[in-house]
Amino acid sequence: MKVKSIKSIYLTKGELKDAVKMWLRAHGHSVLERHLKLNGCEFEWSHQDDGECLAVDMDGTFEENEE
């Protein structure tokens, strides 16, 4: 991670993935966290009805009832 000013923090793809995994673990989504740990992913901004969100598109298959 690089902090270049009080307004900007630069994360690598790996650092961002680690942050998402920590959030999943902290919020009780350990199965999904493990899936993300074992698979690749892509990040992109998504426009939703309630504003912009960072979308994490994970590789592999994940059954919703696994969580």
PDB file of N, CA and C in Angstrom:
ATOM      1  N   MET A   1       0.851  -1.170   0.000  1.00  0.00           N
ATOM      2  CA  MET A   1       0.000   0.000   0.000  1.00  0.00           C
ATOM      3  C   MET A   1       0.893   1.228   0.000  1.00  0.00           C
ATOM      4  N   LYS A   2       0.473   2.225  -0.742  1.00  0.00           N
ATOM      5  CA  LYS A   2       1.174   3.500  -0.776  1.00  0.00           C
ATOM      6  C   LYS A   2       0.198   4.598  -0.379  1.00  0.00           C
ATOM      7  N   VAL A   3       0.650   5.483   0.479  1.00  0.00           N
ATOM      8  CA  VAL A   3      -0.132   6.659   0.836  1.00  0.00           C
ATOM      9  C   VAL A   3       0.639   7.858   0.312  1.00  0.00           C
ATOM     10  N   LYS A   4       0.094   8.513  -0.706  1.00  0.00           N
ATOM     11  CA  LYS A   4       0.802   9.630  -1.335  1.00  0.00           C
ATOM     12  C   LYS A   4       0.315  10.981  -0.839  1.00  0.00           C
ATOM     13  N   SER A   5      -0.833  11.019  -0.256  1.00  0.00           N
ATOM     14  CA  SER A   5      -1.336  12.261   0.324  1.00  0.00           C
ATOM     15  C   SER A   5      -2.421  11.885   1.318  1.00  0.00           C
ATOM     16  N   ILE A   6      -2.924  12.861   1.997  1.00  0.00           N
ATOM     17  CA  ILE A   6      -3.975  12.586   2.977  1.00  0.00           C
ATOM     18  C   ILE A   6      -5.263  12.121   2.297  1.00  0.00           C
ATOM     19  N   LYS A   7      -5.368  12.317   0.976  1.00  0.00           N
ATOM     20  CA  LYS A   7      -6.577  11.961   0.247  1.00  0.00           C
ATOM     21  C   LYS A   7      -6.461  10.687  -0.573  1.00  0.00           C
ATOM     22  N   SER A   8      -5.253  10.159  -0.759  1.00  0.00           N
ATOM     23  CA  SER A   8      -5.083   9.037  -1.687  1.00  0.00           C
ATOM     24  C   SER A   8      -4.338   7.871  -1.055  1.00  0.00           C
ATOM     25  N   ILE A   9      -4.925   6.696  -1.170  1.00  0.00           N
ATOM     26  CA  ILE A   9      -4.288   5.449  -0.745  1.00  0.00           C
ATOM     27  C   ILE A   9      -4.289   4.536  -1.957  1.00  0.00           C
ATOM     28  N   TYR A  10      -3.146   3.960  -2.269  1.00  0.00           N
ATOM     29  CA  TYR A  10      -3.012   3.091  -3.439  1.00  0.00           C
ATOM     30  C   TYR A  10      -2.812   1.657  -2.975  1.00  0.00           C
ATOM     31  N   LEU A  11      -3.735   0.774  -3.342  1.00  0.00           N
ATOM     32  CA  LEU A  11      -3.655  -0.639  -2.989  1.00  0.00           C
ATOM     33  C   LEU A  11      -3.352  -1.456  -4.234  1.00  0.00           C
ATOM     34  N   THR A  12      -2.510  -2.462  -4.076  1.00  0.00           N
ATOM     35  CA  THR A  12      -2.305  -3.407  -5.165  1.00  0.00           C
ATOM     36  C   THR A  12      -3.521  -4.326  -5.227  1.00  0.00           C
ATOM     37  N   LYS A  13      -3.645  -5.071  -6.301  1.00  0.00           N
ATOM     38  CA  LYS A  13      -4.748  -6.025  -6.428  1.00  0.00           C
ATOM     39  C   LYS A  13      -4.715  -7.031  -5.274  1.00  0.00           C
ATOM     40  N   GLY A  14      -3.522  -7.504  -4.911  1.00  0.00           N
ATOM     41  CA  GLY A  14      -3.393  -8.459  -3.812  1.00  0.00           C
ATOM     42  C   GLY A  14      -3.804  -7.869  -2.476  1.00  0.00           C
ATOM     43  N   GLU A  15      -3.440  -6.616  -2.229  1.00  0.00           N
ATOM     44  CA  GLU A  15      -3.821  -5.960  -0.976  1.00  0.00           C
ATOM     45  C   GLU A  15      -5.327  -5.756  -0.903  1.00  0.00           C
ATOM     46  N   LEU A  16      -5.935  -5.406  -2.018  1.00  0.00           N
ATOM     47  CA  LEU A  16      -7.384  -5.232  -2.048  1.00  0.00           C
ATOM     48  C   LEU A  16      -8.088  -6.567  -1.824  1.00  0.00           C
ATOM     49  N   LYS A  17      -7.583  -7.618  -2.437  1.00  0.00           N
ATOM     50  CA  LYS A  17      -8.155  -8.955  -2.248  1.00  0.00           C
ATOM     51  C   LYS A  17      -8.038  -9.368  -0.786  1.00  0.00           C
ATOM     52  N   ASP A  18      -6.891  -9.125  -0.158  1.00  0.00           N
ATOM     53  CA  ASP A  18      -6.710  -9.443   1.261  1.00  0.00           C
ATOM     54  C   ASP A  18      -7.688  -8.663   2.135  1.00  0.00           C
ATOM     55  N   ALA A  19      -7.914  -7.397   1.809  1.00  0.00           N
ATOM     56  CA  ALA A  19      -8.854  -6.581   2.580  1.00  0.00           C
ATOM     57  C   ALA A  19     -10.276  -7.126   2.468  1.00  0.00           C
ATOM     58  N   VAL A  20     -10.670  -7.556   1.278  1.00  0.00           N
ATOM     59  CA  VAL A  20     -12.005  -8.137   1.091  1.00  0.00           C
ATOM     60  C   VAL A  20     -12.111  -9.443   1.876  1.00  0.00           C
ATOM     61  N   LYS A  21     -11.062 -10.271   1.838  1.00  0.00           N
ATOM     62  CA  LYS A  21     -11.086 -11.532   2.601  1.00  0.00           C
ATOM     63  C   LYS A  21     -11.213 -11.258   4.095  1.00  0.00           C
ATOM     64  N   MET A  22     -10.504 -10.260   4.613  1.00  0.00           N
ATOM     65  CA  MET A  22     -10.605  -9.922   6.039  1.00  0.00           C
ATOM     66  C   MET A  22     -12.013  -9.448   6.390  1.00  0.00           C
ATOM     67  N   TRP A  23     -12.633  -8.666   5.501  1.00  0.00           N
ATOM     68  CA  TRP A  23     -13.992  -8.188   5.742  1.00  0.00           C
ATOM     69  C   TRP A  23     -14.960  -9.368   5.774  1.00  0.00           C
ATOM     70  N   LEU A  24     -14.821 -10.288   4.816  1.00  0.00           N
ATOM     71  CA  LEU A  24     -15.694 -11.464   4.783  1.00  0.00           C
ATOM     72  C   LEU A  24     -15.569 -12.278   6.066  1.00  0.00           C
ATOM     73  N   ARG A  25     -14.342 -12.510   6.514  1.00  0.00           N
ATOM     74  CA  ARG A  25     -14.101 -13.273   7.734  1.00  0.00           C
ATOM     75  C   ARG A  25     -14.707 -12.558   8.941  1.00  0.00           C
ATOM     76  N   ALA A  26     -14.499 -11.250   9.031  1.00  0.00           N
ATOM     77  CA  ALA A  26     -15.002 -10.473  10.167  1.00  0.00           C
ATOM     78  C   ALA A  26     -16.527 -10.437  10.226  1.00  0.00           C
ATOM     79  N   HIS A  27     -17.182 -10.615   9.077  1.00  0.00           N
ATOM     80  CA  HIS A  27     -18.642 -10.569   9.029  1.00  0.00           C
ATOM     81  C   HIS A  27     -19.279 -11.959   8.912  1.00  0.00           C
ATOM     82  N   GLY A  28     -18.515 -12.995   9.249  1.00  0.00           N
ATOM     83  CA  GLY A  28     -19.068 -14.342   9.336  1.00  0.00           C
ATOM     84  C   GLY A  28     -19.243 -15.079   8.027  1.00  0.00           C
ATOM     85  N   HIS A  29     -18.552 -14.671   6.988  1.00  0.00           N
ATOM     86  CA  HIS A  29     -18.661 -15.322   5.680  1.00  0.00           C
ATOM     87  C   HIS A  29     -17.401 -16.143   5.399  1.00  0.00           C
ATOM     88  N   SER A  30     -17.079 -17.067   6.304  1.00  0.00           N
ATOM     89  CA  SER A  30     -15.820 -17.813   6.199  1.00  0.00           C
ATOM     90  C   SER A  30     -15.759 -18.722   4.972  1.00  0.00           C
ATOM     91  N   VAL A  31     -16.888 -19.281   4.552  1.00  0.00           N
ATOM     92  CA  VAL A  31     -16.890 -20.147   3.369  1.00  0.00           C
ATOM     93  C   VAL A  31     -16.576 -19.321   2.123  1.00  0.00           C
ATOM     94  N   LEU A  32     -17.199 -18.162   2.011  1.00  0.00           N
ATOM     95  CA  LEU A  32     -16.942 -17.278   0.879  1.00  0.00           C
ATOM     96  C   LEU A  32     -15.510 -16.734   0.929  1.00  0.00           C
ATOM     97  N   GLU A  33     -15.007 -16.449   2.113  1.00  0.00           N
ATOM     98  CA  GLU A  33     -13.623 -15.986   2.276  1.00  0.00           C
ATOM     99  C   GLU A  33     -12.651 -17.047   1.796  1.00  0.00           C
ATOM    100  N   ARG A  34     -12.910 -18.308   2.134  1.00  0.00           N
ATOM    101  CA  ARG A  34     -12.037 -19.396   1.686  1.00  0.00           C
ATOM    102  C   ARG A  34     -12.094 -19.541   0.165  1.00  0.00           C
ATOM    103  N   HIS A  35     -13.276 -19.413  -0.414  1.00  0.00           N
ATOM    104  CA  HIS A  35     -13.416 -19.496  -1.868  1.00  0.00           C
ATOM    105  C   HIS A  35     -12.581 -18.402  -2.544  1.00  0.00           C
ATOM    106  N   LEU A  36     -12.649 -17.193  -2.023  1.00  0.00           N
ATOM    107  CA  LEU A  36     -11.870 -16.094  -2.587  1.00  0.00           C
ATOM    108  C   LEU A  36     -10.374 -16.354  -2.425  1.00  0.00           C
ATOM    109  N   LYS A  37      -9.988 -16.932  -1.298  1.00  0.00           N
ATOM    110  CA  LYS A  37      -8.575 -17.249  -1.056  1.00  0.00           C
ATOM    111  C   LYS A  37      -8.041 -18.237  -2.091  1.00  0.00           C
ATOM    112  N   LEU A  38      -8.871 -19.201  -2.499  1.00  0.00           N
ATOM    113  CA  LEU A  38      -8.440 -20.268  -3.403  1.00  0.00           C
ATOM    114  C   LEU A  38      -8.615 -19.936  -4.883  1.00  0.00           C
ATOM    115  N   ASN A  39      -9.284 -18.835  -5.196  1.00  0.00           N
ATOM    116  CA  ASN A  39      -9.592 -18.505  -6.588  1.00  0.00           C
ATOM    117  C   ASN A  39      -9.163 -17.083  -6.932  1.00  0.00           C
ATOM    118  N   GLY A  40      -8.957 -16.868  -8.209  1.00  0.00           N
ATOM    119  CA  GLY A  40      -8.643 -15.534  -8.694  1.00  0.00           C
ATOM    120  C   GLY A  40      -9.881 -14.663  -8.714  1.00  0.00           C
ATOM    121  N   CYS A  41      -9.672 -13.376  -8.928  1.00  0.00           N
ATOM    122  CA  CYS A  41     -10.809 -12.463  -8.987  1.00  0.00           C
ATOM    123  C   CYS A  41     -10.435 -11.226  -9.794  1.00  0.00           C
ATOM    124  N   GLU A  42     -11.449 -10.495 -10.170  1.00  0.00           N
ATOM    125  CA  GLU A  42     -11.299  -9.216 -10.865  1.00  0.00           C
ATOM    126  C   GLU A  42     -12.134  -8.184 -10.120  1.00  0.00           C
ATOM    127  N   PHE A  43     -11.670  -6.955 -10.131  1.00  0.00           N
ATOM    128  CA  PHE A  43     -12.377  -5.855  -9.483  1.00  0.00           C
ATOM    129  C   PHE A  43     -12.827  -4.855 -10.543  1.00  0.00           C
ATOM    130  N   GLU A  44     -14.041  -4.341 -10.379  1.00  0.00           N
ATOM    131  CA  GLU A  44     -14.517  -3.297 -11.283  1.00  0.00           C
ATOM    132  C   GLU A  44     -15.593  -2.483 -10.573  1.00  0.00           C
ATOM    133  N   TRP A  45     -15.719  -1.246 -10.966  1.00  0.00           N
ATOM    134  CA  TRP A  45     -16.771  -0.407 -10.409  1.00  0.00           C
ATOM    135  C   TRP A  45     -18.085  -0.734 -11.097  1.00  0.00           C
ATOM    136  N   SER A  46     -19.137  -0.847 -10.296  1.00  0.00           N
ATOM    137  CA  SER A  46     -20.462  -1.187 -10.796  1.00  0.00           C
ATOM    138  C   SER A  46     -21.439  -0.088 -10.382  1.00  0.00           C
ATOM    139  N   HIS A  47     -22.270   0.327 -11.296  1.00  0.00           N
ATOM    140  CA  HIS A  47     -23.281   1.350 -11.010  1.00  0.00           C
ATOM    141  C   HIS A  47     -24.573   0.656 -10.595  1.00  0.00           C
ATOM    142  N   GLN A  48     -24.972   0.856  -9.368  1.00  0.00           N
ATOM    143  CA  GLN A  48     -26.199   0.276  -8.824  1.00  0.00           C
ATOM    144  C   GLN A  48     -27.210   1.391  -8.581  1.00  0.00           C
ATOM    145  N   ASP A  49     -28.437   1.032  -8.262  1.00  0.00           N
ATOM    146  CA  ASP A  49     -29.476   2.030  -7.989  1.00  0.00           C
ATOM    147  C   ASP A  49     -29.110   2.934  -6.816  1.00  0.00           C
ATOM    148  N   ASP A  50     -28.375   2.384  -5.842  1.00  0.00           N
ATOM    149  CA  ASP A  50     -28.018   3.162  -4.653  1.00  0.00           C
ATOM    150  C   ASP A  50     -26.603   3.747  -4.728  1.00  0.00           C
ATOM    151  N   GLY A  51     -26.023   3.811  -5.915  1.00  0.00           N
ATOM    152  CA  GLY A  51     -24.705   4.417  -6.088  1.00  0.00           C
ATOM    153  C   GLY A  51     -23.695   3.440  -6.649  1.00  0.00           C
ATOM    154  N   GLU A  52     -22.451   3.885  -6.680  1.00  0.00           N
ATOM    155  CA  GLU A  52     -21.379   3.035  -7.196  1.00  0.00           C
ATOM    156  C   GLU A  52     -20.895   2.069  -6.124  1.00  0.00           C
ATOM    157  N   CYS A  53     -20.553   0.858  -6.559  1.00  0.00           N
ATOM    158  CA  CYS A  53     -20.015  -0.170  -5.673  1.00  0.00           C
ATOM    159  C   CYS A  53     -18.826  -0.820  -6.361  1.00  0.00           C
ATOM    160  N   LEU A  54     -17.892  -1.298  -5.571  1.00  0.00           N
ATOM    161  CA  LEU A  54     -16.788  -2.072  -6.116  1.00  0.00           C
ATOM    162  C   LEU A  54     -17.241  -3.522  -6.198  1.00  0.00           C
ATOM    163  N   ALA A  55     -17.285  -4.062  -7.403  1.00  0.00           N
ATOM    164  CA  ALA A  55     -17.700  -5.450  -7.610  1.00  0.00           C
ATOM    165  C   ALA A  55     -16.469  -6.343  -7.602  1.00  0.00           C
ATOM    166  N   VAL A  56     -16.567  -7.474  -6.916  1.00  0.00           N
ATOM    167  CA  VAL A  56     -15.503  -8.475  -6.880  1.00  0.00           C
ATOM    168  C   VAL A  56     -16.036  -9.699  -7.610  1.00  0.00           C
ATOM    169  N   ASP A  57     -15.555  -9.925  -8.820  1.00  0.00           N
ATOM    170  CA  ASP A  57     -15.974 -11.076  -9.616  1.00  0.00           C
ATOM    171  C   ASP A  57     -14.971 -12.203  -9.400  1.00  0.00           C
ATOM    172  N   MET A  58     -15.433 -13.278  -8.744  1.00  0.00           N
ATOM    173  CA  MET A  58     -14.548 -14.385  -8.387  1.00  0.00           C
ATOM    174  C   MET A  58     -14.599 -15.500  -9.414  1.00  0.00           C
ATOM    175  N   ASP A  59     -13.459 -16.117  -9.647  1.00  0.00           N
ATOM    176  CA  ASP A  59     -13.379 -17.299 -10.498  1.00  0.00           C
ATOM    177  C   ASP A  59     -13.923 -18.503  -9.728  1.00  0.00           C
ATOM    178  N   GLY A  60     -14.157 -19.601 -10.445  1.00  0.00           N
ATOM    179  CA  GLY A  60     -14.626 -20.828  -9.812  1.00  0.00           C
ATOM    180  C   GLY A  60     -16.129 -20.817  -9.638  1.00  0.00           C
ATOM    181  N   THR A  61     -16.640 -21.920  -9.114  1.00  0.00           N
ATOM    182  CA  THR A  61     -18.075 -22.027  -8.873  1.00  0.00           C
ATOM    183  C   THR A  61     -18.331 -21.999  -7.381  1.00  0.00           C
ATOM    184  N   PHE A  62     -19.432 -21.390  -7.011  1.00  0.00           N
ATOM    185  CA  PHE A  62     -19.804 -21.264  -5.607  1.00  0.00           C
ATOM    186  C   PHE A  62     -21.309 -21.410  -5.515  1.00  0.00           C
ATOM    187  N   GLU A  63     -21.750 -22.414  -4.802  1.00  0.00           N
ATOM    188  CA  GLU A  63     -23.179 -22.620  -4.597  1.00  0.00           C
ATOM    189  C   GLU A  63     -23.640 -21.698  -3.480  1.00  0.00           C
ATOM    190  N   GLU A  64     -24.720 -20.966  -3.713  1.00  0.00           N
ATOM    191  CA  GLU A  64     -25.200 -20.007  -2.721  1.00  0.00           C
ATOM    192  C   GLU A  64     -25.541 -20.665  -1.392  1.00  0.00           C
ATOM    193  N   ASN A  65     -25.967 -21.912  -1.411  1.00  0.00           N
ATOM    194  CA  ASN A  65     -26.331 -22.581  -0.159  1.00  0.00           C
ATOM    195  C   ASN A  65     -25.110 -23.073   0.614  1.00  0.00           C
ATOM    196  N   GLU A  66     -23.895 -22.869   0.085  1.00  0.00           N
ATOM    197  CA  GLU A  66     -22.685 -23.253   0.807  1.00  0.00           C
ATOM    198  C   GLU A  66     -22.440 -22.332   1.985  1.00  0.00           C
ATOM    199  N   GLU A  67     -22.867 -21.083   1.895  1.00  0.00           N
ATOM    200  CA  GLU A  67     -22.582 -20.087   2.922  1.00  0.00           C
ATOM    201  C   GLU A  67     -23.455 -20.255   4.106  1.00  0.00           C
TER     202      GLU A  67
END
